[in-house]
Amino acid sequence: MTGGLREIGGERKGVIEVLTFTLEGCGACAEMKEHLAQRKIPFRNITVDERLGPILEKEYLTEYYPIVAIVEKSTKVPYWVFVTKSVLDDPKLVHYQTLPELALKIKLKYDALQTTSFG
């Protein structure tokens, strides 16, 4: 699978984390964090710098922020990555058009992962 996305087996409840990748001074990034907070979705923000930016942009073939990932806490391997635009074709890559749509998609995926065990 491309883009570093793969499935991880085992119990997911309590072992997933929402990571937001944002740019300093990005209005859309700030608004996205407000949408997540309103929906009571816990997240950890990572401010993208000149070293991390090129890595994320190459990995997910996008130049647009925010980028949000739902990851396995200990390995940081993504279950889902949310981007607004990308040419990457991967079933674990979720596209969105608006920030409210992004927050809703994250909430649905997050809740599903929190309540499902796999093995």
N, C-alpha and C. Protein backbone atom coordinates (compact mmCIF):
# COMPACT_ATOMS: atom_id res chain seq x y z
N MET A 1 0.84 -1.18 0.00
CA MET A 1 0.00 0.00 0.00
C MET A 1 0.89 1.24 0.00
N THR A 2 0.49 2.27 -0.71
CA THR A 2 1.31 3.46 -0.82
C THR A 2 1.07 4.42 0.34
N GLY A 3 1.94 5.38 0.49
CA GLY A 3 1.75 6.43 1.47
C GLY A 3 1.97 6.02 2.91
N GLY A 4 2.51 4.86 3.18
CA GLY A 4 2.79 4.45 4.55
C GLY A 4 1.55 4.10 5.35
N LEU A 5 0.44 3.85 4.69
CA LEU A 5 -0.79 3.52 5.40
C LEU A 5 -0.98 2.01 5.37
N ARG A 6 -1.29 1.44 6.53
CA ARG A 6 -1.54 0.01 6.58
C ARG A 6 -2.42 -0.32 7.76
N GLU A 7 -3.00 -1.48 7.74
CA GLU A 7 -3.90 -1.95 8.79
C GLU A 7 -3.08 -2.54 9.93
N ILE A 8 -3.55 -2.34 11.14
CA ILE A 8 -2.93 -2.94 12.31
C ILE A 8 -4.00 -3.75 13.02
N GLY A 9 -3.70 -5.00 13.37
CA GLY A 9 -4.67 -5.83 14.08
C GLY A 9 -4.63 -5.56 15.57
N GLY A 10 -5.58 -6.16 16.29
CA GLY A 10 -5.61 -6.03 17.74
C GLY A 10 -6.66 -5.05 18.23
N GLU A 11 -6.78 -4.91 19.51
CA GLU A 11 -7.75 -4.04 20.16
C GLU A 11 -7.36 -2.58 19.94
N ARG A 12 -8.31 -1.77 19.48
CA ARG A 12 -8.03 -0.37 19.19
C ARG A 12 -8.53 0.58 20.26
N LYS A 13 -9.46 0.16 21.06
CA LYS A 13 -10.03 1.07 22.05
C LYS A 13 -8.96 1.57 23.00
N GLY A 14 -8.86 2.89 23.12
CA GLY A 14 -7.89 3.49 24.02
C GLY A 14 -6.47 3.52 23.51
N VAL A 15 -6.22 3.01 22.32
CA VAL A 15 -4.86 3.00 21.80
C VAL A 15 -4.72 3.81 20.52
N ILE A 16 -5.73 4.62 20.22
CA ILE A 16 -5.64 5.46 19.04
C ILE A 16 -5.51 6.91 19.45
N GLU A 17 -4.98 7.71 18.55
CA GLU A 17 -4.76 9.13 18.82
C GLU A 17 -5.03 9.91 17.55
N VAL A 18 -5.62 11.10 17.70
CA VAL A 18 -5.82 11.99 16.58
C VAL A 18 -4.68 13.01 16.60
N LEU A 19 -3.95 13.08 15.48
CA LEU A 19 -2.86 14.05 15.34
C LEU A 19 -3.26 15.07 14.30
N THR A 20 -3.09 16.34 14.62
CA THR A 20 -3.33 17.39 13.64
C THR A 20 -1.99 17.99 13.27
N PHE A 21 -1.78 18.16 11.98
CA PHE A 21 -0.56 18.78 11.46
C PHE A 21 -0.97 20.13 10.89
N THR A 22 -0.51 21.20 11.53
CA THR A 22 -0.95 22.54 11.16
C THR A 22 0.24 23.47 10.93
N LEU A 23 -0.04 24.56 10.25
CA LEU A 23 0.96 25.59 10.00
C LEU A 23 0.71 26.77 10.92
N GLU A 24 1.77 27.38 11.38
CA GLU A 24 1.68 28.60 12.20
C GLU A 24 0.96 29.68 11.39
N GLY A 25 -0.05 30.30 12.01
CA GLY A 25 -0.78 31.38 11.36
C GLY A 25 -1.80 30.94 10.33
N CYS A 26 -2.09 29.66 10.24
CA CYS A 26 -3.04 29.11 9.27
C CYS A 26 -4.46 29.21 9.83
N GLY A 27 -5.29 30.05 9.21
CA GLY A 27 -6.66 30.23 9.67
C GLY A 27 -7.49 28.96 9.59
N ALA A 28 -7.34 28.21 8.49
CA ALA A 28 -8.09 26.96 8.33
C ALA A 28 -7.67 25.94 9.40
N CYS A 29 -6.39 25.95 9.75
CA CYS A 29 -5.89 25.03 10.78
C CYS A 29 -6.51 25.35 12.14
N ALA A 30 -6.56 26.63 12.48
CA ALA A 30 -7.16 27.06 13.75
C ALA A 30 -8.64 26.71 13.78
N GLU A 31 -9.33 26.95 12.67
CA GLU A 31 -10.76 26.64 12.60
C GLU A 31 -11.00 25.14 12.74
N MET A 32 -10.16 24.32 12.11
CA MET A 32 -10.30 22.87 12.21
C MET A 32 -10.15 22.42 13.66
N LYS A 33 -9.20 22.98 14.39
CA LYS A 33 -9.02 22.61 15.80
C LYS A 33 -10.25 22.98 16.62
N GLU A 34 -10.89 24.11 16.30
CA GLU A 34 -12.12 24.50 16.98
C GLU A 34 -13.23 23.50 16.71
N HIS A 35 -13.36 23.05 15.46
CA HIS A 35 -14.38 22.04 15.12
C HIS A 35 -14.16 20.74 15.89
N LEU A 36 -12.91 20.31 16.02
CA LEU A 36 -12.61 19.09 16.76
C LEU A 36 -12.95 19.27 18.24
N ALA A 37 -12.59 20.40 18.80
CA ALA A 37 -12.89 20.66 20.22
C ALA A 37 -14.39 20.69 20.46
N GLN A 38 -15.15 21.31 19.56
CA GLN A 38 -16.60 21.36 19.70
C GLN A 38 -17.22 19.97 19.68
N ARG A 39 -16.64 19.06 18.94
CA ARG A 39 -17.15 17.70 18.85
C ARG A 39 -16.52 16.78 19.91
N LYS A 40 -15.74 17.38 20.79
CA LYS A 40 -15.09 16.65 21.89
C LYS A 40 -14.21 15.51 21.38
N ILE A 41 -13.48 15.81 20.32
CA ILE A 41 -12.51 14.85 19.78
C ILE A 41 -11.14 15.23 20.33
N PRO A 42 -10.55 14.39 21.19
CA PRO A 42 -9.22 14.73 21.71
C PRO A 42 -8.19 14.63 20.59
N PHE A 43 -7.25 15.58 20.58
CA PHE A 43 -6.22 15.56 19.55
C PHE A 43 -4.94 16.17 20.09
N ARG A 44 -3.85 15.82 19.42
CA ARG A 44 -2.55 16.41 19.74
C ARG A 44 -2.09 17.14 18.49
N ASN A 45 -1.80 18.43 18.65
CA ASN A 45 -1.39 19.24 17.51
C ASN A 45 0.12 19.22 17.35
N ILE A 46 0.54 19.11 16.09
CA ILE A 46 1.95 19.20 15.74
C ILE A 46 2.08 20.35 14.74
N THR A 47 2.82 21.38 15.13
CA THR A 47 3.05 22.50 14.24
C THR A 47 4.13 22.11 13.25
N VAL A 48 3.81 22.20 11.98
CA VAL A 48 4.72 21.77 10.91
C VAL A 48 5.79 22.84 10.69
N ASP A 49 7.03 22.38 10.65
CA ASP A 49 8.15 23.30 10.41
C ASP A 49 8.78 22.97 9.05
N GLU A 50 9.89 23.63 8.74
CA GLU A 50 10.52 23.47 7.43
C GLU A 50 11.12 22.07 7.23
N ARG A 51 11.29 21.31 8.29
CA ARG A 51 11.79 19.93 8.14
C ARG A 51 10.64 18.94 7.96
N LEU A 52 9.59 19.09 8.76
CA LEU A 52 8.46 18.15 8.71
C LEU A 52 7.59 18.38 7.47
N GLY A 53 7.41 19.63 7.06
CA GLY A 53 6.54 19.95 5.93
C GLY A 53 6.84 19.15 4.68
N PRO A 54 8.09 19.17 4.19
CA PRO A 54 8.40 18.40 2.98
C PRO A 54 8.16 16.89 3.14
N ILE A 55 8.37 16.37 4.34
CA ILE A 55 8.15 14.94 4.57
C ILE A 55 6.66 14.61 4.43
N LEU A 56 5.80 15.39 5.09
CA LEU A 56 4.35 15.16 5.00
C LEU A 56 3.85 15.36 3.57
N GLU A 57 4.32 16.41 2.94
CA GLU A 57 3.85 16.72 1.59
C GLU A 57 4.25 15.65 0.58
N LYS A 58 5.41 15.07 0.76
CA LYS A 58 5.85 13.97 -0.11
C LYS A 58 5.09 12.68 0.22
N GLU A 59 4.91 12.41 1.50
CA GLU A 59 4.24 11.17 1.93
C GLU A 59 2.80 11.11 1.43
N TYR A 60 2.09 12.23 1.51
CA TYR A 60 0.66 12.24 1.17
C TYR A 60 0.36 13.00 -0.12
N LEU A 61 1.39 13.40 -0.84
CA LEU A 61 1.26 14.08 -2.13
C LEU A 61 0.27 15.25 -2.05
N THR A 62 0.50 16.13 -1.08
CA THR A 62 -0.34 17.30 -0.90
C THR A 62 0.50 18.47 -0.43
N GLU A 63 0.02 19.66 -0.70
CA GLU A 63 0.66 20.89 -0.19
C GLU A 63 -0.31 21.66 0.68
N TYR A 64 -1.46 21.05 0.99
CA TYR A 64 -2.54 21.75 1.68
C TYR A 64 -2.64 21.30 3.14
N TYR A 65 -2.95 22.24 3.99
CA TYR A 65 -3.10 21.99 5.42
C TYR A 65 -4.46 22.52 5.86
N PRO A 66 -5.02 21.95 6.92
CA PRO A 66 -4.45 20.97 7.84
C PRO A 66 -4.47 19.55 7.27
N ILE A 67 -3.58 18.75 7.82
CA ILE A 67 -3.57 17.31 7.59
C ILE A 67 -3.88 16.69 8.95
N VAL A 68 -4.76 15.72 8.97
CA VAL A 68 -5.14 15.07 10.22
C VAL A 68 -4.97 13.57 10.05
N ALA A 69 -4.45 12.92 11.08
CA ALA A 69 -4.29 11.47 11.05
C ALA A 69 -4.85 10.85 12.32
N ILE A 70 -5.51 9.71 12.16
CA ILE A 70 -5.87 8.88 13.31
C ILE A 70 -4.85 7.75 13.30
N VAL A 71 -4.06 7.67 14.37
CA VAL A 71 -2.93 6.75 14.41
C VAL A 71 -3.02 5.80 15.60
N GLU A 72 -2.28 4.71 15.50
CA GLU A 72 -2.08 3.81 16.63
C GLU A 72 -1.07 4.50 17.53
N LYS A 73 -1.39 4.67 18.82
CA LYS A 73 -0.56 5.50 19.71
C LYS A 73 0.89 5.06 19.80
N SER A 74 1.16 3.79 19.97
CA SER A 74 2.54 3.39 20.23
C SER A 74 3.41 3.41 18.98
N THR A 75 2.85 3.09 17.82
CA THR A 75 3.66 3.03 16.61
C THR A 75 3.52 4.26 15.73
N LYS A 76 2.44 5.02 15.92
CA LYS A 76 2.11 6.20 15.10
C LYS A 76 1.78 5.82 13.66
N VAL A 77 1.48 4.55 13.40
CA VAL A 77 1.06 4.12 12.06
C VAL A 77 -0.39 4.55 11.87
N PRO A 78 -0.68 5.24 10.75
CA PRO A 78 -2.04 5.75 10.55
C PRO A 78 -3.06 4.67 10.18
N TYR A 79 -4.25 4.80 10.77
CA TYR A 79 -5.42 4.05 10.30
C TYR A 79 -6.07 4.86 9.18
N TRP A 80 -6.16 6.17 9.37
CA TRP A 80 -6.78 7.09 8.41
C TRP A 80 -5.98 8.37 8.36
N VAL A 81 -5.85 8.96 7.18
CA VAL A 81 -5.25 10.28 7.02
C VAL A 81 -6.24 11.12 6.22
N PHE A 82 -6.51 12.33 6.72
CA PHE A 82 -7.48 13.22 6.12
C PHE A 82 -6.77 14.39 5.47
N VAL A 83 -7.00 14.57 4.15
CA VAL A 83 -6.38 15.66 3.40
C VAL A 83 -7.44 16.30 2.49
N THR A 84 -7.22 17.57 2.17
CA THR A 84 -8.16 18.23 1.27
C THR A 84 -7.89 17.91 -0.19
N LYS A 85 -6.61 17.84 -0.58
CA LYS A 85 -6.26 17.51 -1.96
C LYS A 85 -5.02 16.64 -1.97
N SER A 86 -5.08 15.58 -2.77
CA SER A 86 -3.92 14.71 -2.95
C SER A 86 -4.17 13.85 -4.18
N VAL A 87 -3.12 13.53 -4.89
CA VAL A 87 -3.24 12.62 -6.03
C VAL A 87 -2.96 11.17 -5.60
N LEU A 88 -2.63 10.98 -4.34
CA LEU A 88 -2.35 9.64 -3.81
C LEU A 88 -3.64 8.83 -3.80
N ASP A 89 -3.59 7.62 -4.33
CA ASP A 89 -4.75 6.73 -4.36
C ASP A 89 -4.55 5.65 -3.31
N ASP A 90 -5.19 5.81 -2.18
CA ASP A 90 -5.05 4.87 -1.08
C ASP A 90 -6.38 4.80 -0.34
N PRO A 91 -6.88 3.61 -0.04
CA PRO A 91 -8.18 3.50 0.64
C PRO A 91 -8.19 4.09 2.05
N LYS A 92 -7.03 4.31 2.65
CA LYS A 92 -6.97 4.90 3.99
C LYS A 92 -6.83 6.41 3.95
N LEU A 93 -6.80 6.98 2.76
CA LEU A 93 -6.70 8.43 2.61
C LEU A 93 -8.11 8.98 2.39
N VAL A 94 -8.55 9.87 3.26
CA VAL A 94 -9.90 10.42 3.21
C VAL A 94 -9.82 11.89 2.78
N HIS A 95 -10.51 12.22 1.72
CA HIS A 95 -10.53 13.60 1.22
C HIS A 95 -11.70 14.36 1.83
N TYR A 96 -11.55 15.66 1.98
CA TYR A 96 -12.63 16.51 2.47
C TYR A 96 -12.63 17.82 1.71
N GLN A 97 -13.80 18.47 1.69
CA GLN A 97 -13.94 19.75 1.01
C GLN A 97 -14.06 20.92 1.98
N THR A 98 -14.75 20.70 3.11
CA THR A 98 -14.95 21.78 4.08
C THR A 98 -14.49 21.32 5.46
N LEU A 99 -14.21 22.28 6.32
CA LEU A 99 -13.76 21.92 7.67
C LEU A 99 -14.84 21.25 8.51
N PRO A 100 -16.12 21.68 8.43
CA PRO A 100 -17.15 20.92 9.16
C PRO A 100 -17.25 19.47 8.67
N GLU A 101 -17.10 19.27 7.35
CA GLU A 101 -17.12 17.92 6.80
C GLU A 101 -15.93 17.12 7.34
N LEU A 102 -14.76 17.75 7.40
CA LEU A 102 -13.58 17.10 7.97
C LEU A 102 -13.83 16.65 9.40
N ALA A 103 -14.34 17.55 10.22
CA ALA A 103 -14.58 17.21 11.63
C ALA A 103 -15.57 16.06 11.77
N LEU A 104 -16.62 16.06 10.95
CA LEU A 104 -17.60 14.98 11.00
C LEU A 104 -16.97 13.65 10.59
N LYS A 105 -16.19 13.65 9.53
CA LYS A 105 -15.53 12.42 9.08
C LYS A 105 -14.58 11.89 10.14
N ILE A 106 -13.84 12.78 10.78
CA ILE A 106 -12.92 12.36 11.85
C ILE A 106 -13.71 11.76 13.00
N LYS A 107 -14.78 12.42 13.39
CA LYS A 107 -15.61 11.95 14.51
C LYS A 107 -16.15 10.54 14.21
N LEU A 108 -16.66 10.32 13.01
CA LEU A 108 -17.22 9.02 12.66
C LEU A 108 -16.14 7.93 12.68
N LYS A 109 -14.99 8.20 12.09
CA LYS A 109 -13.90 7.22 12.06
C LYS A 109 -13.34 6.97 13.46
N TYR A 110 -13.17 8.06 14.22
CA TYR A 110 -12.63 7.95 15.58
C TYR A 110 -13.55 7.10 16.45
N ASP A 111 -14.85 7.43 16.42
CA ASP A 111 -15.81 6.67 17.23
C ASP A 111 -15.84 5.20 16.83
N ALA A 112 -15.79 4.93 15.52
CA ALA A 112 -15.81 3.54 15.06
C ALA A 112 -14.57 2.78 15.55
N LEU A 113 -13.41 3.42 15.49
CA LEU A 113 -12.19 2.75 15.96
C LEU A 113 -12.18 2.55 17.47
N GLN A 114 -12.78 3.49 18.20
CA GLN A 114 -12.80 3.38 19.66
C GLN A 114 -13.67 2.22 20.13
N THR A 115 -14.67 1.84 19.35
CA THR A 115 -15.62 0.84 19.80
C THR A 115 -15.46 -0.52 19.11
N THR A 116 -14.45 -0.66 18.27
CA THR A 116 -14.27 -1.89 17.50
C THR A 116 -12.96 -2.55 17.90
N SER A 117 -13.03 -3.86 18.11
CA SER A 117 -11.76 -4.58 18.30
C SER A 117 -11.55 -5.48 17.11
N PHE A 118 -10.30 -5.63 16.74
CA PHE A 118 -9.91 -6.43 15.59
C PHE A 118 -8.89 -7.45 16.05
N GLY A 119 -8.84 -8.54 15.41
CA GLY A 119 -7.83 -9.51 15.79
C GLY A 119 -7.58 -10.53 14.73
